[in-house]
Amino acid sequence: MNRSKVDKYLDKSVLEVVGFGNTEPGDYQPKPVVLRDGREGMVWVHRETGHGILDPELWESKNYYVEEYRNEYSPIPGEKCAPSDRLNILNDLNEKQFNFFESYLSRECRYLEIGCSCGGILRKVLDFGVDICHAVEPNKQDADFVKKHYKQATVYNTSLEDTNLTPDYYELIVSIEVLEHAKSVRDFLLKCYVLLKDSGVIHLEVPNHNDALLTLYKYTGYDKFYYHKAHIHYFTKESLEKLCSECGIEGEASSFVMYPFFNHVWWCQNQRAQSSAVEALSTPLPTDGKTEAGKAINEFYKRSEMKYEELLNKHTLGTSLMFQGKKQAGCK
């Protein structure tokens, strides 16, 4: 990367736009990066918390998520994946994500999901028996799919900022892998604060800027895959907890492992992503399991992944961060 790129200046107005107007340009250091599409770019990293902000020259327009995003980012790279196919591919992951907030659900719970995609998590909430399920999804194809197949839910085909939802209404708001796309994370969270009832719960999942593959592993090529144009923000435990607290939501962020041990082994050996999300999310079972020895080997693989997941979570090095917090009445 050339010197002029490294010396690029972060303007205060950018910090105002993204919701970090309470910080100064001097609080950030430039990090030259290569985006997933091969372009060189810059991420501005907050010195204290490690939060990253993608340089605005690389941001996509708001309309990008209406159509193009699902065409570009698919569980099967290079192929357009129908909502029904994504439901099947991501079912096990969605079950794992659902389990993290299931304890907050009840039949009477008023539930809002921001960025429901094709409904992989929403359908599990409906299957649980929750009567009032609302969802926001800007992508038209996904919104239409959810409206057609999950008629019990009310779906708004728009962005959160353009919705006109009832304040002080929801007991639980869930947003999975969405906040990193928001231009102003502060505006996003303040709107969630307004929509939550007093002591209502918000459950967030975002990419972890301290992902082990990015911060600890050597020579994997993952640094050229991790950053991409659809993510404006890159969170750490510290930045996520601090931001939520400033928006009147007190809670704790923890590590969540989306891509398991053998995916990390793949990156070490091949310096590139696996061919599909099916492969990347799966635990390989190397034997047919018809013998005692074969069963034992398969179980060894499963135990290895579990131990690795425990290790990453202990040090907050998982693929993602999960935050759960409660609205503090009278904060805003």
C-alpha atoms as a PDB file:
ATOM      1  CA  MET A   1       0.000   0.000   0.000  1.00  0.00           C
ATOM      2  CA  ASN A   2       1.337   3.387  -0.969  1.00  0.00           C
ATOM      3  CA  ARG A   3       2.334   6.020   1.560  1.00  0.00           C
ATOM      4  CA  SER A   4      -0.515   8.398   0.712  1.00  0.00           C
ATOM      5  CA  LYS A   5      -2.991   5.726   1.681  1.00  0.00           C
ATOM      6  CA  VAL A   6      -1.327   5.201   5.049  1.00  0.00           C
ATOM      7  CA  ASP A   7      -1.258   8.949   5.704  1.00  0.00           C
ATOM      8  CA  LYS A   8      -4.937   9.394   4.901  1.00  0.00           C
ATOM      9  CA  TYR A   9      -6.719  11.594   7.430  1.00  0.00           C
ATOM     10  CA  LEU A  10      -9.741  10.536   9.482  1.00  0.00           C
ATOM     11  CA  ASP A  11     -12.172  13.429   9.591  1.00  0.00           C
ATOM     12  CA  LYS A  12     -14.191  14.211  12.730  1.00  0.00           C
ATOM     13  CA  SER A  13     -17.345  14.326  10.607  1.00  0.00           C
ATOM     14  CA  VAL A  14     -16.924  10.618   9.829  1.00  0.00           C
ATOM     15  CA  LEU A  15     -16.888   9.808  13.539  1.00  0.00           C
ATOM     16  CA  GLU A  16     -20.081  11.827  13.954  1.00  0.00           C
ATOM     17  CA  VAL A  17     -21.763   9.868  11.166  1.00  0.00           C
ATOM     18  CA  VAL A  18     -20.838   6.418  12.503  1.00  0.00           C
ATOM     19  CA  GLY A  19     -21.875   7.180  16.075  1.00  0.00           C
ATOM     20  CA  PHE A  20     -18.492   7.820  17.626  1.00  0.00           C
ATOM     21  CA  GLY A  21     -18.647  11.607  17.784  1.00  0.00           C
ATOM     22  CA  ASN A  22     -17.582  11.401  21.437  1.00  0.00           C
ATOM     23  CA  THR A  23     -14.119  10.348  20.244  1.00  0.00           C
ATOM     24  CA  GLU A  24     -11.461  12.278  18.334  1.00  0.00           C
ATOM     25  CA  PRO A  25      -9.561  11.442  15.124  1.00  0.00           C
ATOM     26  CA  GLY A  26      -6.340  11.241  17.152  1.00  0.00           C
ATOM     27  CA  ASP A  27      -7.842   8.358  19.130  1.00  0.00           C
ATOM     28  CA  TYR A  28      -7.565   6.166  16.020  1.00  0.00           C
ATOM     29  CA  GLN A  29      -4.686   4.639  14.130  1.00  0.00           C
ATOM     30  CA  PRO A  30      -4.814   3.645  10.447  1.00  0.00           C
ATOM     31  CA  LYS A  31      -4.630  -0.044   9.571  1.00  0.00           C
ATOM     32  CA  PRO A  32      -4.016  -0.780   5.876  1.00  0.00           C
ATOM     33  CA  VAL A  33      -6.078  -3.819   4.855  1.00  0.00           C
ATOM     34  CA  VAL A  34      -6.962  -5.854   1.793  1.00  0.00           C
ATOM     35  CA  LEU A  35     -10.684  -6.414   1.379  1.00  0.00           C
ATOM     36  CA  ARG A  36     -12.213  -9.748   0.447  1.00  0.00           C
ATOM     37  CA  ASP A  37     -12.752  -8.466  -3.099  1.00  0.00           C
ATOM     38  CA  GLY A  38      -9.017  -7.767  -3.424  1.00  0.00           C
ATOM     39  CA  ARG A  39      -9.129  -3.978  -3.085  1.00  0.00           C
ATOM     40  CA  GLU A  40      -6.761  -2.145  -0.796  1.00  0.00           C
ATOM     41  CA  GLY A  41      -8.394  -0.068   1.884  1.00  0.00           C
ATOM     42  CA  MET A  42      -8.129   1.376   5.362  1.00  0.00           C
ATOM     43  CA  VAL A  43      -9.652   0.509   8.709  1.00  0.00           C
ATOM     44  CA  TRP A  44      -9.409   3.083  11.494  1.00  0.00           C
ATOM     45  CA  VAL A  45      -8.728   1.305  14.775  1.00  0.00           C
ATOM     46  CA  HIS A  46      -9.572   2.904  18.110  1.00  0.00           C
ATOM     47  CA  ARG A  47      -6.422   2.767  20.214  1.00  0.00           C
ATOM     48  CA  GLU A  48      -8.179   2.102  23.524  1.00  0.00           C
ATOM     49  CA  THR A  49     -10.861  -0.457  22.591  1.00  0.00           C
ATOM     50  CA  GLY A  50      -9.614  -1.916  19.291  1.00  0.00           C
ATOM     51  CA  HIS A  51     -12.855  -1.049  17.503  1.00  0.00           C
ATOM     52  CA  GLY A  52     -12.399  -0.788  13.733  1.00  0.00           C
ATOM     53  CA  ILE A  53     -14.197   1.536  11.305  1.00  0.00           C
ATOM     54  CA  LEU A  54     -13.969   0.946   7.561  1.00  0.00           C
ATOM     55  CA  ASP A  55     -12.883   4.052   5.672  1.00  0.00           C
ATOM     56  CA  PRO A  56     -15.971   5.746   4.144  1.00  0.00           C
ATOM     57  CA  GLU A  57     -14.629   5.649   0.598  1.00  0.00           C
ATOM     58  CA  LEU A  58     -15.372   1.889   0.698  1.00  0.00           C
ATOM     59  CA  TRP A  59     -18.928   2.038   2.080  1.00  0.00           C
ATOM     60  CA  GLU A  60     -21.836   0.718   0.068  1.00  0.00           C
ATOM     61  CA  SER A  61     -25.071   2.644  -0.475  1.00  0.00           C
ATOM     62  CA  LYS A  62     -28.191   1.925   1.553  1.00  0.00           C
ATOM     63  CA  ASN A  63     -29.859   0.335  -1.494  1.00  0.00           C
ATOM     64  CA  TYR A  64     -27.098  -2.266  -1.697  1.00  0.00           C
ATOM     65  CA  TYR A  65     -28.901  -4.458   0.846  1.00  0.00           C
ATOM     66  CA  VAL A  66     -32.196  -4.418  -1.043  1.00  0.00           C
ATOM     67  CA  GLU A  67     -30.912  -6.657  -3.857  1.00  0.00           C
ATOM     68  CA  GLU A  68     -27.161  -6.907  -4.347  1.00  0.00           C
ATOM     69  CA  TYR A  69     -25.955  -8.115  -0.946  1.00  0.00           C
ATOM     70  CA  ARG A  70     -27.530 -11.581  -1.212  1.00  0.00           C
ATOM     71  CA  ASN A  71     -26.207 -11.948  -4.750  1.00  0.00           C
ATOM     72  CA  GLU A  72     -22.634 -11.252  -3.651  1.00  0.00           C
ATOM     73  CA  TYR A  73     -22.503 -12.996  -0.275  1.00  0.00           C
ATOM     74  CA  SER A  74     -23.766 -16.549  -0.386  1.00  0.00           C
ATOM     75  CA  PRO A  75     -23.083 -19.717   1.635  1.00  0.00           C
ATOM     76  CA  ILE A  76     -21.816 -21.110  -1.683  1.00  0.00           C
ATOM     77  CA  PRO A  77     -19.347 -18.545  -3.116  1.00  0.00           C
ATOM     78  CA  GLY A  78     -20.048 -17.587  -6.698  1.00  0.00           C
ATOM     79  CA  GLU A  79     -23.587 -19.005  -6.655  1.00  0.00           C
ATOM     80  CA  LYS A  80     -26.869 -17.309  -5.897  1.00  0.00           C
ATOM     81  CA  CYS A  81     -28.416 -19.257  -3.046  1.00  0.00           C
ATOM     82  CA  ALA A  82     -32.198 -19.358  -2.677  1.00  0.00           C
ATOM     83  CA  PRO A  83     -33.676 -18.582   0.766  1.00  0.00           C
ATOM     84  CA  SER A  84     -34.866 -22.178   1.140  1.00  0.00           C
ATOM     85  CA  ASP A  85     -31.337 -23.472   0.494  1.00  0.00           C
ATOM     86  CA  ARG A  86     -29.869 -21.043   3.025  1.00  0.00           C
ATOM     87  CA  LEU A  87     -32.384 -22.258   5.600  1.00  0.00           C
ATOM     88  CA  ASN A  88     -31.095 -25.807   5.225  1.00  0.00           C
ATOM     89  CA  ILE A  89     -27.413 -24.912   5.093  1.00  0.00           C
ATOM     90  CA  LEU A  90     -27.536 -22.684   8.165  1.00  0.00           C
ATOM     91  CA  ASN A  91     -30.034 -24.675  10.239  1.00  0.00           C
ATOM     92  CA  ASP A  92     -27.543 -26.120  12.735  1.00  0.00           C
ATOM     93  CA  LEU A  93     -25.840 -22.747  13.197  1.00  0.00           C
ATOM     94  CA  ASN A  94     -29.212 -21.026  13.628  1.00  0.00           C
ATOM     95  CA  GLU A  95     -30.173 -23.604  16.274  1.00  0.00           C
ATOM     96  CA  LYS A  96     -26.977 -22.855  18.176  1.00  0.00           C
ATOM     97  CA  GLN A  97     -27.640 -19.105  17.941  1.00  0.00           C
ATOM     98  CA  PHE A  98     -31.257 -19.537  19.048  1.00  0.00           C
ATOM     99  CA  ASN A  99     -30.225 -21.514  22.123  1.00  0.00           C
ATOM    100  CA  PHE A 100     -28.338 -18.503  23.473  1.00  0.00           C
ATOM    101  CA  PHE A 101     -31.488 -16.420  23.969  1.00  0.00           C
ATOM    102  CA  GLU A 102     -34.231 -19.070  24.202  1.00  0.00           C
ATOM    103  CA  SER A 103     -34.420 -18.661  27.995  1.00  0.00           C
ATOM    104  CA  TYR A 104     -35.816 -15.120  27.533  1.00  0.00           C
ATOM    105  CA  LEU A 105     -38.776 -16.333  25.467  1.00  0.00           C
ATOM    106  CA  SER A 106     -42.305 -17.036  26.599  1.00  0.00           C
ATOM    107  CA  ARG A 107     -45.603 -17.310  24.791  1.00  0.00           C
ATOM    108  CA  GLU A 108     -46.458 -13.763  25.887  1.00  0.00           C
ATOM    109  CA  CYS A 109     -43.074 -12.304  24.897  1.00  0.00           C
ATOM    110  CA  ARG A 110     -43.143  -9.517  22.321  1.00  0.00           C
ATOM    111  CA  TYR A 111     -40.260 -10.358  20.009  1.00  0.00           C
ATOM    112  CA  LEU A 112     -38.508  -8.230  17.379  1.00  0.00           C
ATOM    113  CA  GLU A 113     -35.759  -9.526  15.094  1.00  0.00           C
ATOM    114  CA  ILE A 114     -33.727  -6.984  13.152  1.00  0.00           C
ATOM    115  CA  GLY A 115     -32.312  -8.509   9.978  1.00  0.00           C
ATOM    116  CA  CYS A 116     -34.187 -11.812   9.955  1.00  0.00           C
ATOM    117  CA  SER A 117     -32.687 -12.876   6.600  1.00  0.00           C
ATOM    118  CA  CYS A 118     -34.583 -15.941   5.323  1.00  0.00           C
ATOM    119  CA  GLY A 119     -36.133 -16.659   8.717  1.00  0.00           C
ATOM    120  CA  GLY A 120     -33.770 -19.308  10.053  1.00  0.00           C
ATOM    121  CA  ILE A 121     -33.965 -18.036  13.625  1.00  0.00           C
ATOM    122  CA  LEU A 122     -37.423 -16.482  13.385  1.00  0.00           C
ATOM    123  CA  ARG A 123     -39.016 -19.855  12.593  1.00  0.00           C
ATOM    124  CA  LYS A 124     -37.499 -21.327  15.761  1.00  0.00           C
ATOM    125  CA  VAL A 125     -39.029 -18.485  17.785  1.00  0.00           C
ATOM    126  CA  LEU A 126     -42.388 -19.201  16.161  1.00  0.00           C
ATOM    127  CA  ASP A 127     -42.001 -22.941  16.801  1.00  0.00           C
ATOM    128  CA  PHE A 128     -41.336 -22.084  20.455  1.00  0.00           C
ATOM    129  CA  GLY A 129     -44.847 -20.629  20.552  1.00  0.00           C
ATOM    130  CA  VAL A 130     -44.253 -16.883  20.803  1.00  0.00           C
ATOM    131  CA  ASP A 131     -47.455 -15.094  19.744  1.00  0.00           C
ATOM    132  CA  ILE A 132     -46.100 -11.671  18.766  1.00  0.00           C
ATOM    133  CA  CYS A 133     -43.156 -11.908  16.356  1.00  0.00           C
ATOM    134  CA  HIS A 134     -42.076  -8.906  14.327  1.00  0.00           C
ATOM    135  CA  ALA A 135     -39.127  -8.795  11.936  1.00  0.00           C
ATOM    136  CA  VAL A 136     -37.253  -6.195   9.919  1.00  0.00           C
ATOM    137  CA  GLU A 137     -35.474  -7.285   6.727  1.00  0.00           C
ATOM    138  CA  PRO A 138     -34.274  -4.876   3.971  1.00  0.00           C
ATOM    139  CA  ASN A 139     -33.667  -7.560   1.346  1.00  0.00           C
ATOM    140  CA  LYS A 140     -36.823  -7.935  -0.731  1.00  0.00           C
ATOM    141  CA  GLN A 141     -36.375 -11.582  -1.684  1.00  0.00           C
ATOM    142  CA  ASP A 142     -35.812 -12.639   1.911  1.00  0.00           C
ATOM    143  CA  ALA A 143     -38.669 -10.500   3.248  1.00  0.00           C
ATOM    144  CA  ASP A 144     -41.068 -11.928   0.660  1.00  0.00           C
ATOM    145  CA  PHE A 145     -39.950 -15.472   1.490  1.00  0.00           C
ATOM    146  CA  VAL A 146     -40.530 -14.982   5.222  1.00  0.00           C
ATOM    147  CA  LYS A 147     -43.920 -13.352   4.641  1.00  0.00           C
ATOM    148  CA  LYS A 148     -44.997 -16.300   2.497  1.00  0.00           C
ATOM    149  CA  HIS A 149     -43.742 -19.131   4.719  1.00  0.00           C
ATOM    150  CA  TYR A 150     -44.159 -17.670   8.219  1.00  0.00           C
ATOM    151  CA  LYS A 151     -47.495 -15.898   8.097  1.00  0.00           C
ATOM    152  CA  GLN A 152     -47.693 -15.675  11.906  1.00  0.00           C
ATOM    153  CA  ALA A 153     -44.899 -13.087  11.824  1.00  0.00           C
ATOM    154  CA  THR A 154     -45.211  -9.441  10.828  1.00  0.00           C
ATOM    155  CA  VAL A 155     -42.356  -8.551   8.475  1.00  0.00           C
ATOM    156  CA  TYR A 156     -41.226  -5.045   7.538  1.00  0.00           C
ATOM    157  CA  ASN A 157     -39.281  -4.945   4.278  1.00  0.00           C
ATOM    158  CA  THR A 158     -37.105  -1.971   5.173  1.00  0.00           C
ATOM    159  CA  SER A 159     -34.183  -0.943   7.357  1.00  0.00           C
ATOM    160  CA  LEU A 160     -34.554  -0.374  11.103  1.00  0.00           C
ATOM    161  CA  GLU A 161     -34.058   3.379  10.717  1.00  0.00           C
ATOM    162  CA  ASP A 162     -37.053   3.609   8.362  1.00  0.00           C
ATOM    163  CA  THR A 163     -39.484   1.638  10.523  1.00  0.00           C
ATOM    164  CA  ASN A 164     -42.202   3.279  12.587  1.00  0.00           C
ATOM    165  CA  LEU A 165     -42.530   0.725  15.396  1.00  0.00           C
ATOM    166  CA  THR A 166     -44.245   1.200  18.761  1.00  0.00           C
ATOM    167  CA  PRO A 167     -41.962   2.531  21.523  1.00  0.00           C
ATOM    168  CA  ASP A 168     -41.626   0.697  24.858  1.00  0.00           C
ATOM    169  CA  TYR A 169     -43.184  -2.404  23.303  1.00  0.00           C
ATOM    170  CA  TYR A 170     -40.756  -5.321  22.986  1.00  0.00           C
ATOM    171  CA  GLU A 171     -39.523  -7.625  25.739  1.00  0.00           C
ATOM    172  CA  LEU A 172     -36.783  -9.062  23.500  1.00  0.00           C
ATOM    173  CA  ILE A 173     -34.941  -7.637  20.493  1.00  0.00           C
ATOM    174  CA  VAL A 174     -32.561  -9.933  18.604  1.00  0.00           C
ATOM    175  CA  SER A 175     -30.092  -8.827  15.932  1.00  0.00           C
ATOM    176  CA  ILE A 176     -27.715 -11.415  14.476  1.00  0.00           C
ATOM    177  CA  GLU A 177     -24.772 -10.229  12.353  1.00  0.00           C
ATOM    178  CA  VAL A 178     -26.457  -6.903  11.500  1.00  0.00           C
ATOM    179  CA  LEU A 179     -24.986  -4.138  13.672  1.00  0.00           C
ATOM    180  CA  GLU A 180     -21.671  -4.223  11.778  1.00  0.00           C
ATOM    181  CA  HIS A 181     -23.562  -3.117   8.638  1.00  0.00           C
ATOM    182  CA  ALA A 182     -25.155  -0.067  10.284  1.00  0.00           C
ATOM    183  CA  LYS A 183     -23.652   3.270   9.381  1.00  0.00           C
ATOM    184  CA  SER A 184     -24.381   4.732  12.831  1.00  0.00           C
ATOM    185  CA  VAL A 185     -24.228   2.005  15.448  1.00  0.00           C
ATOM    186  CA  ARG A 186     -25.264   4.535  18.080  1.00  0.00           C
ATOM    187  CA  ASP A 187     -28.469   5.473  16.229  1.00  0.00           C
ATOM    188  CA  PHE A 188     -29.221   1.765  15.777  1.00  0.00           C
ATOM    189  CA  LEU A 189     -28.847   1.004  19.487  1.00  0.00           C
ATOM    190  CA  LEU A 190     -30.697   4.132  20.611  1.00  0.00           C
ATOM    191  CA  LYS A 191     -33.651   3.103  18.450  1.00  0.00           C
ATOM    192  CA  CYS A 192     -33.521  -0.364  20.055  1.00  0.00           C
ATOM    193  CA  TYR A 193     -33.494   1.351  23.443  1.00  0.00           C
ATOM    194  CA  VAL A 194     -36.666   3.278  22.546  1.00  0.00           C
ATOM    195  CA  LEU A 195     -38.420   0.138  21.282  1.00  0.00           C
ATOM    196  CA  LEU A 196     -37.597  -1.981  24.347  1.00  0.00           C
ATOM    197  CA  LYS A 197     -39.832  -2.046  27.403  1.00  0.00           C
ATOM    198  CA  ASP A 198     -38.155  -1.142  30.696  1.00  0.00           C
ATOM    199  CA  SER A 199     -35.817  -4.021  31.634  1.00  0.00           C
ATOM    200  CA  GLY A 200     -36.327  -5.463  28.142  1.00  0.00           C
ATOM    201  CA  VAL A 201     -33.463  -7.555  26.758  1.00  0.00           C
ATOM    202  CA  ILE A 202     -31.397  -7.084  23.616  1.00  0.00           C
ATOM    203  CA  HIS A 203     -29.351  -9.927  22.130  1.00  0.00           C
ATOM    204  CA  LEU A 204     -26.683  -8.961  19.588  1.00  0.00           C
ATOM    205  CA  GLU A 205     -24.212 -10.963  17.554  1.00  0.00           C
ATOM    206  CA  VAL A 206     -21.395  -9.246  15.652  1.00  0.00           C
ATOM    207  CA  PRO A 207     -18.035 -10.255  14.112  1.00  0.00           C
ATOM    208  CA  ASN A 208     -15.150 -10.245  16.593  1.00  0.00           C
ATOM    209  CA  HIS A 209     -12.216  -7.976  15.713  1.00  0.00           C
ATOM    210  CA  ASN A 210     -10.104 -10.215  17.971  1.00  0.00           C
ATOM    211  CA  ASP A 211     -10.979 -13.379  16.029  1.00  0.00           C
ATOM    212  CA  ALA A 212      -8.124 -15.852  16.660  1.00  0.00           C
ATOM    213  CA  LEU A 213      -7.556 -16.454  12.952  1.00  0.00           C
ATOM    214  CA  LEU A 214      -7.071 -12.727  12.419  1.00  0.00           C
ATOM    215  CA  THR A 215      -5.052 -11.799  15.506  1.00  0.00           C
ATOM    216  CA  LEU A 216      -3.014 -14.881  16.467  1.00  0.00           C
ATOM    217  CA  TYR A 217      -2.574 -17.267  13.570  1.00  0.00           C
ATOM    218  CA  LYS A 218       0.366 -16.906  11.178  1.00  0.00           C
ATOM    219  CA  TYR A 219       0.316 -17.070   7.386  1.00  0.00           C
ATOM    220  CA  THR A 220      -3.321 -18.113   6.912  1.00  0.00           C
ATOM    221  CA  GLY A 221      -4.386 -15.445   4.400  1.00  0.00           C
ATOM    222  CA  TYR A 222      -7.420 -14.866   6.597  1.00  0.00           C
ATOM    223  CA  ASP A 223      -6.586 -11.166   6.915  1.00  0.00           C
ATOM    224  CA  LYS A 224      -7.446 -10.810   3.211  1.00  0.00           C
ATOM    225  CA  PHE A 225     -10.800 -12.509   3.784  1.00  0.00           C
ATOM    226  CA  TYR A 226     -11.944 -11.018   7.089  1.00  0.00           C
ATOM    227  CA  TYR A 227     -12.438  -7.391   6.032  1.00  0.00           C
ATOM    228  CA  HIS A 228     -15.041  -6.618   3.400  1.00  0.00           C
ATOM    229  CA  LYS A 229     -17.096  -3.766   2.040  1.00  0.00           C
ATOM    230  CA  ALA A 230     -20.377  -4.809   3.664  1.00  0.00           C
ATOM    231  CA  HIS A 231     -19.021  -4.336   7.199  1.00  0.00           C
ATOM    232  CA  ILE A 232     -18.469  -0.776   8.349  1.00  0.00           C
ATOM    233  CA  HIS A 233     -17.732  -1.741  11.977  1.00  0.00           C
ATOM    234  CA  TYR A 234     -15.410  -4.294  13.606  1.00  0.00           C
ATOM    235  CA  PHE A 235     -16.182  -4.825  17.288  1.00  0.00           C
ATOM    236  CA  THR A 236     -14.238  -5.929  20.331  1.00  0.00           C
ATOM    237  CA  LYS A 237     -15.707  -6.961  23.658  1.00  0.00           C
ATOM    238  CA  GLU A 238     -14.607  -3.611  25.080  1.00  0.00           C
ATOM    239  CA  SER A 239     -16.059  -1.473  22.300  1.00  0.00           C
ATOM    240  CA  LEU A 240     -19.371  -3.334  22.187  1.00  0.00           C
ATOM    241  CA  GLU A 241     -19.969  -3.203  25.940  1.00  0.00           C
ATOM    242  CA  LYS A 242     -18.957   0.467  26.136  1.00  0.00           C
ATOM    243  CA  LEU A 243     -21.165   1.506  23.228  1.00  0.00           C
ATOM    244  CA  CYS A 244     -24.203  -0.366  24.568  1.00  0.00           C
ATOM    245  CA  SER A 245     -23.699   1.150  28.016  1.00  0.00           C
ATOM    246  CA  GLU A 246     -23.567   4.648  26.513  1.00  0.00           C
ATOM    247  CA  CYS A 247     -26.907   3.873  24.846  1.00  0.00           C
ATOM    248  CA  GLY A 248     -28.574   2.855  28.105  1.00  0.00           C
ATOM    249  CA  ILE A 249     -28.168  -0.906  27.748  1.00  0.00           C
ATOM    250  CA  GLU A 250     -26.095  -2.665  30.402  1.00  0.00           C
ATOM    251  CA  GLY A 251     -24.823  -6.155  29.757  1.00  0.00           C
ATOM    252  CA  GLU A 252     -21.892  -8.336  28.840  1.00  0.00           C
ATOM    253  CA  ALA A 253     -20.304  -9.560  25.618  1.00  0.00           C
ATOM    254  CA  SER A 254     -18.945 -13.076  25.296  1.00  0.00           C
ATOM    255  CA  SER A 255     -17.197 -15.097  22.627  1.00  0.00           C
ATOM    256  CA  PHE A 256     -19.125 -17.225  20.122  1.00  0.00           C
ATOM    257  CA  VAL A 257     -17.450 -19.730  17.794  1.00  0.00           C
ATOM    258  CA  MET A 258     -19.177 -19.935  14.440  1.00  0.00           C
ATOM    259  CA  TYR A 259     -16.451 -21.659  12.436  1.00  0.00           C
ATOM    260  CA  PRO A 260     -14.937 -24.609  14.302  1.00  0.00           C
ATOM    261  CA  PHE A 261     -11.514 -26.131  14.812  1.00  0.00           C
ATOM    262  CA  PHE A 262     -11.194 -27.968  11.513  1.00  0.00           C
ATOM    263  CA  ASN A 263     -12.045 -24.827   9.582  1.00  0.00           C
ATOM    264  CA  HIS A 264      -9.106 -23.148  11.315  1.00  0.00           C
ATOM    265  CA  VAL A 265      -6.910 -26.127  10.438  1.00  0.00           C
ATOM    266  CA  TRP A 266      -8.025 -25.711   6.819  1.00  0.00           C
ATOM    267  CA  TRP A 267      -6.957 -22.065   6.814  1.00  0.00           C
ATOM    268  CA  CYS A 268      -3.538 -23.029   8.215  1.00  0.00           C
ATOM    269  CA  GLN A 269      -2.980 -25.672   5.562  1.00  0.00           C
ATOM    270  CA  ASN A 270      -4.514 -23.968   2.530  1.00  0.00           C
ATOM    271  CA  GLN A 271      -4.408 -20.185   3.168  1.00  0.00           C
ATOM    272  CA  ARG A 272      -7.897 -19.773   1.701  1.00  0.00           C
ATOM    273  CA  ALA A 273     -11.551 -20.230   2.562  1.00  0.00           C
ATOM    274  CA  GLN A 274     -13.281 -23.573   2.179  1.00  0.00           C
ATOM    275  CA  SER A 275     -15.499 -24.003  -0.855  1.00  0.00           C
ATOM    276  CA  SER A 276     -18.819 -23.511   0.941  1.00  0.00           C
ATOM    277  CA  ALA A 277     -20.418 -22.752   4.295  1.00  0.00           C
ATOM    278  CA  VAL A 278     -21.537 -26.386   4.470  1.00  0.00           C
ATOM    279  CA  GLU A 279     -17.911 -27.480   4.659  1.00  0.00           C
ATOM    280  CA  ALA A 280     -16.747 -24.580   6.822  1.00  0.00           C
ATOM    281  CA  LEU A 281     -19.427 -25.074   9.474  1.00  0.00           C
ATOM    282  CA  SER A 282     -19.248 -28.869   9.647  1.00  0.00           C
ATOM    283  CA  THR A 283     -17.313 -31.222  11.882  1.00  0.00           C
ATOM    284  CA  PRO A 284     -15.739 -33.899   9.657  1.00  0.00           C
ATOM    285  CA  LEU A 285     -16.454 -37.491  10.642  1.00  0.00           C
ATOM    286  CA  PRO A 286     -13.584 -39.411   9.014  1.00  0.00           C
ATOM    287  CA  THR A 287     -14.907 -42.959   9.506  1.00  0.00           C
ATOM    288  CA  ASP A 288     -18.199 -44.706   8.795  1.00  0.00           C
ATOM    289  CA  GLY A 289     -18.569 -45.405  12.515  1.00  0.00           C
ATOM    290  CA  LYS A 290     -19.334 -49.080  11.995  1.00  0.00           C
ATOM    291  CA  THR A 291     -16.570 -50.304  14.291  1.00  0.00           C
ATOM    292  CA  GLU A 292     -15.686 -49.394  17.861  1.00  0.00           C
ATOM    293  CA  ALA A 293     -12.421 -47.891  16.660  1.00  0.00           C
ATOM    294  CA  GLY A 294     -14.250 -45.880  13.981  1.00  0.00           C
ATOM    295  CA  LYS A 295     -16.768 -44.575  16.486  1.00  0.00           C
ATOM    296  CA  ALA A 296     -13.955 -43.610  18.849  1.00  0.00           C
ATOM    297  CA  ILE A 297     -12.152 -41.659  16.112  1.00  0.00           C
ATOM    298  CA  ASN A 298     -15.325 -39.767  15.195  1.00  0.00           C
ATOM    299  CA  GLU A 299     -15.921 -38.930  18.857  1.00  0.00           C
ATOM    300  CA  PHE A 300     -12.316 -37.755  19.150  1.00  0.00           C
ATOM    301  CA  TYR A 301     -12.948 -35.280  16.329  1.00  0.00           C
ATOM    302  CA  LYS A 302     -16.082 -33.992  18.075  1.00  0.00           C
ATOM    303  CA  ARG A 303     -14.296 -33.662  21.417  1.00  0.00           C
ATOM    304  CA  SER A 304     -11.420 -31.808  19.755  1.00  0.00           C
ATOM    305  CA  GLU A 305     -13.817 -29.232  18.358  1.00  0.00           C
ATOM    306  CA  MET A 306     -15.541 -28.811  21.720  1.00  0.00           C
ATOM    307  CA  LYS A 307     -12.245 -28.330  23.551  1.00  0.00           C
ATOM    308  CA  TYR A 308     -11.049 -25.836  20.959  1.00  0.00           C
ATOM    309  CA  GLU A 309     -14.297 -23.910  21.225  1.00  0.00           C
ATOM    310  CA  GLU A 310     -13.924 -23.753  25.011  1.00  0.00           C
ATOM    311  CA  LEU A 311     -10.366 -22.472  24.605  1.00  0.00           C
ATOM    312  CA  LEU A 312     -11.326 -19.710  22.171  1.00  0.00           C
ATOM    313  CA  ASN A 313     -14.295 -18.620  24.258  1.00  0.00           C
ATOM    314  CA  LYS A 314     -12.200 -18.510  27.425  1.00  0.00           C
ATOM    315  CA  HIS A 315      -9.929 -15.934  25.768  1.00  0.00           C
ATOM    316  CA  THR A 316     -12.714 -14.134  23.809  1.00  0.00           C
ATOM    317  CA  LEU A 317     -11.200 -15.178  20.489  1.00  0.00           C
ATOM    318  CA  GLY A 318     -14.232 -16.676  18.747  1.00  0.00           C
ATOM    319  CA  THR A 319     -15.513 -15.773  15.304  1.00  0.00           C
ATOM    320  CA  SER A 320     -18.184 -13.539  16.796  1.00  0.00           C
ATOM    321  CA  LEU A 321     -19.216 -11.702  19.926  1.00  0.00           C
ATOM    322  CA  MET A 322     -22.585 -12.143  21.590  1.00  0.00           C
ATOM    323  CA  PHE A 323     -23.944  -9.383  23.769  1.00  0.00           C
ATOM    324  CA  GLN A 324     -26.934  -9.659  26.067  1.00  0.00           C
ATOM    325  CA  GLY A 325     -28.075  -6.619  28.005  1.00  0.00           C
ATOM    326  CA  LYS A 326     -31.069  -4.959  29.631  1.00  0.00           C
ATOM    327  CA  LYS A 327     -32.569  -1.544  29.061  1.00  0.00           C
ATOM    328  CA  GLN A 328     -31.857   0.759  31.970  1.00  0.00           C
ATOM    329  CA  ALA A 329     -34.948   2.881  32.536  1.00  0.00           C
ATOM    330  CA  GLY A 330     -34.525   6.634  32.399  1.00  0.00           C
ATOM    331  CA  CYS A 331     -31.049   6.595  30.799  1.00  0.00           C
ATOM    332  CA  LYS A 332     -31.971   8.367  27.571  1.00  0.00           C
END
